[in-house]
Amino acid sequence: MFGMSFGKVAVLVAIIAIVWFGFRWFQRWEKERREAADGRGAGRLNRGREAPGAGAKAREPEVMTACRICGAYVAPGARSCGKPNCPFPRA
């Protein structure tokens, strides 16, 4: 009744393989989803071809300067805020 035939062993191995590979696929999918949500993922096309983050440009911080009239920090090339005596050009 509970004898081990070749058919039973083959079905058992197939079930174990399906569960194993399904679990690995789910882990990989979950990792890619988390990386995409964090903005780090390069997607499926770049997997294994380059270092993580190598394709993304590193953003440099902008140097801000204080406005001599109001004291607010603005980026270089900023437009006028509309206040009287604003030193920046009007838009």
C-alpha atoms as a PDB file:
ATOM      1  CA  MET A   1       0.000   0.000   0.000  1.00  0.00           C
ATOM      2  CA  PHE A   2       2.753   2.492   0.914  1.00  0.00           C
ATOM      3  CA  GLY A   3       5.394   0.946  -1.313  1.00  0.00           C
ATOM      4  CA  MET A   4       7.907   3.265  -2.976  1.00  0.00           C
ATOM      5  CA  SER A   5       7.536   2.921  -6.717  1.00  0.00           C
ATOM      6  CA  PHE A   6       9.459   4.905  -9.301  1.00  0.00           C
ATOM      7  CA  GLY A   7       6.349   6.908 -10.193  1.00  0.00           C
ATOM      8  CA  LYS A   8       5.769   8.004  -6.586  1.00  0.00           C
ATOM      9  CA  VAL A   9       9.391   9.027  -6.134  1.00  0.00           C
ATOM     10  CA  ALA A  10       9.364  10.969  -9.426  1.00  0.00           C
ATOM     11  CA  VAL A  11       6.193  12.840  -8.448  1.00  0.00           C
ATOM     12  CA  LEU A  12       7.650  13.637  -5.019  1.00  0.00           C
ATOM     13  CA  VAL A  13      10.880  14.990  -6.573  1.00  0.00           C
ATOM     14  CA  ALA A  14       8.863  17.051  -9.060  1.00  0.00           C
ATOM     15  CA  ILE A  15       6.735  18.582  -6.278  1.00  0.00           C
ATOM     16  CA  ILE A  16       9.814  19.438  -4.214  1.00  0.00           C
ATOM     17  CA  ALA A  17      11.515  21.011  -7.264  1.00  0.00           C
ATOM     18  CA  ILE A  18       8.433  23.099  -8.107  1.00  0.00           C
ATOM     19  CA  VAL A  19       8.189  24.393  -4.541  1.00  0.00           C
ATOM     20  CA  TRP A  20      11.952  25.092  -4.347  1.00  0.00           C
ATOM     21  CA  PHE A  21      12.195  26.997  -7.641  1.00  0.00           C
ATOM     22  CA  GLY A  22       8.925  28.810  -6.975  1.00  0.00           C
ATOM     23  CA  PHE A  23      10.247  30.003  -3.626  1.00  0.00           C
ATOM     24  CA  ARG A  24      13.513  31.203  -5.197  1.00  0.00           C
ATOM     25  CA  TRP A  25      11.607  33.031  -7.952  1.00  0.00           C
ATOM     26  CA  PHE A  26       9.377  34.716  -5.353  1.00  0.00           C
ATOM     27  CA  GLN A  27      12.400  35.875  -3.310  1.00  0.00           C
ATOM     28  CA  ARG A  28      14.059  37.350  -6.414  1.00  0.00           C
ATOM     29  CA  TRP A  29      10.811  39.094  -7.429  1.00  0.00           C
ATOM     30  CA  GLU A  30      10.354  40.514  -3.921  1.00  0.00           C
ATOM     31  CA  LYS A  31      13.957  41.810  -3.847  1.00  0.00           C
ATOM     32  CA  GLU A  32      13.536  43.544  -7.224  1.00  0.00           C
ATOM     33  CA  ARG A  33      10.248  45.073  -6.084  1.00  0.00           C
ATOM     34  CA  ARG A  34      11.862  46.438  -2.908  1.00  0.00           C
ATOM     35  CA  GLU A  35      14.841  47.842  -4.844  1.00  0.00           C
ATOM     36  CA  ALA A  36      12.545  49.511  -7.351  1.00  0.00           C
ATOM     37  CA  ALA A  37      10.533  51.039  -4.522  1.00  0.00           C
ATOM     38  CA  ASP A  38      13.746  52.369  -2.955  1.00  0.00           C
ATOM     39  CA  GLY A  39      14.895  53.741  -6.296  1.00  0.00           C
ATOM     40  CA  ARG A  40      18.012  51.588  -6.339  1.00  0.00           C
ATOM     41  CA  GLY A  41      16.990  48.934  -8.820  1.00  0.00           C
ATOM     42  CA  ALA A  42      18.178  49.073 -12.389  1.00  0.00           C
ATOM     43  CA  GLY A  43      15.578  46.532 -13.433  1.00  0.00           C
ATOM     44  CA  ARG A  44      15.968  43.138 -15.034  1.00  0.00           C
ATOM     45  CA  LEU A  45      18.077  44.353 -17.958  1.00  0.00           C
ATOM     46  CA  ASN A  46      21.168  45.238 -15.934  1.00  0.00           C
ATOM     47  CA  ARG A  47      21.169  42.328 -13.522  1.00  0.00           C
ATOM     48  CA  GLY A  48      24.719  41.087 -13.124  1.00  0.00           C
ATOM     49  CA  ARG A  49      26.209  43.342 -15.783  1.00  0.00           C
ATOM     50  CA  GLU A  50      27.413  46.220 -13.669  1.00  0.00           C
ATOM     51  CA  ALA A  51      27.886  47.191 -10.072  1.00  0.00           C
ATOM     52  CA  PRO A  52      24.806  48.330  -8.150  1.00  0.00           C
ATOM     53  CA  GLY A  53      24.274  52.020  -8.631  1.00  0.00           C
ATOM     54  CA  ALA A  54      26.921  52.294 -11.337  1.00  0.00           C
ATOM     55  CA  GLY A  55      24.356  53.260 -13.968  1.00  0.00           C
ATOM     56  CA  ALA A  56      22.762  55.936 -11.839  1.00  0.00           C
ATOM     57  CA  LYS A  57      24.370  59.352 -11.805  1.00  0.00           C
ATOM     58  CA  ALA A  58      25.440  60.540  -8.393  1.00  0.00           C
ATOM     59  CA  ARG A  59      23.780  63.839  -7.635  1.00  0.00           C
ATOM     60  CA  GLU A  60      26.076  66.494  -6.282  1.00  0.00           C
ATOM     61  CA  PRO A  61      24.747  68.857  -3.627  1.00  0.00           C
ATOM     62  CA  GLU A  62      24.005  72.346  -4.874  1.00  0.00           C
ATOM     63  CA  VAL A  63      25.917  75.230  -3.340  1.00  0.00           C
ATOM     64  CA  MET A  64      23.382  77.694  -1.965  1.00  0.00           C
ATOM     65  CA  THR A  65      24.084  81.357  -1.300  1.00  0.00           C
ATOM     66  CA  ALA A  66      22.317  83.693   1.096  1.00  0.00           C
ATOM     67  CA  CYS A  67      20.329  86.543  -0.448  1.00  0.00           C
ATOM     68  CA  ARG A  68      21.787  89.833   0.737  1.00  0.00           C
ATOM     69  CA  ILE A  69      18.306  91.394   0.990  1.00  0.00           C
ATOM     70  CA  CYS A  70      16.110  88.797   2.718  1.00  0.00           C
ATOM     71  CA  GLY A  71      18.712  86.258   3.928  1.00  0.00           C
ATOM     72  CA  ALA A  72      17.009  83.265   2.277  1.00  0.00           C
ATOM     73  CA  TYR A  73      19.348  80.674   0.747  1.00  0.00           C
ATOM     74  CA  VAL A  74      18.925  80.327  -3.015  1.00  0.00           C
ATOM     75  CA  ALA A  75      20.517  78.266  -5.764  1.00  0.00           C
ATOM     76  CA  PRO A  76      22.876  79.866  -8.275  1.00  0.00           C
ATOM     77  CA  GLY A  77      20.947  81.262 -11.227  1.00  0.00           C
ATOM     78  CA  ALA A  78      17.762  81.703  -9.187  1.00  0.00           C
ATOM     79  CA  ARG A  79      15.050  84.078 -10.383  1.00  0.00           C
ATOM     80  CA  SER A  80      13.623  87.044  -8.551  1.00  0.00           C
ATOM     81  CA  CYS A  81      11.340  86.323  -5.618  1.00  0.00           C
ATOM     82  CA  GLY A  82       9.276  89.417  -6.414  1.00  0.00           C
ATOM     83  CA  LYS A  83      10.285  91.358  -3.321  1.00  0.00           C
ATOM     84  CA  PRO A  84      11.452  94.952  -3.798  1.00  0.00           C
ATOM     85  CA  ASN A  85      15.237  95.289  -4.193  1.00  0.00           C
ATOM     86  CA  CYS A  86      15.674  91.576  -4.995  1.00  0.00           C
ATOM     87  CA  PRO A  87      19.199  91.182  -6.434  1.00  0.00           C
ATOM     88  CA  PHE A  88      18.205  88.336  -8.778  1.00  0.00           C
ATOM     89  CA  PRO A  89      16.924  88.907 -12.311  1.00  0.00           C
ATOM     90  CA  ARG A  90      13.167  88.868 -12.904  1.00  0.00           C
ATOM     91  CA  ALA A  91      11.689  85.851 -14.649  1.00  0.00           C
END
